[in-house]
Amino acid sequence: MALLLLAHAAGTLFMVGVIWFVQVVHYPLFARVGPSSFSAYSARHTRLTGLVVGPPMLLEATTAVALVVWSPAGVSVSLLWAGLILVAGIWLSTAALQAPRHTTLGGGFDPAVHRFLVTSNWLRTLLWSLRGLVVLCILYQAMA
């Protein structure tokens, strides 16, 4: 159980850091790439970002489900469910809001699509930040 809790915390807290970097630094800088090279930049960005965020996102989701199924002693089941619901919200936001904008931007930079991407990504930033707090509460309860 300790390994499951640590893996869960590692995946989530890694993604909390990544999402804040993406929101504050990375996405805003898309506008500075330049129209002539943006499509190539976007394709490479998508591939490389997938390599960085894919494994921890899968780890986070898998361990969130596992924690609901095999709830650790002393940890609130409602807290575990809240964490899983937040994961579902993150994945839904990614699939419905951010991924389609990346697909559109892959065809060339569009300022309106870029603005929507940056603005809509605040939802994932909020959800992952809440997940970070939930994970810390889970760890605290498990250690008490």
Foldseek 3Di string as FASTA:
>chain_A
DVVLLVLLLVLLVVVLVVLVCCLPPNLVCLVVPDFVCQLVVLVVCVVVVCVVNVVSLVSNQVSLVVCLVVPAPQFDNVLSVLLNVLSVVLVCLCVPQQVVLSVVCNVTDDVVSSVSNSVSSVSNSVSSVVSNVSSVSRVVRNVD
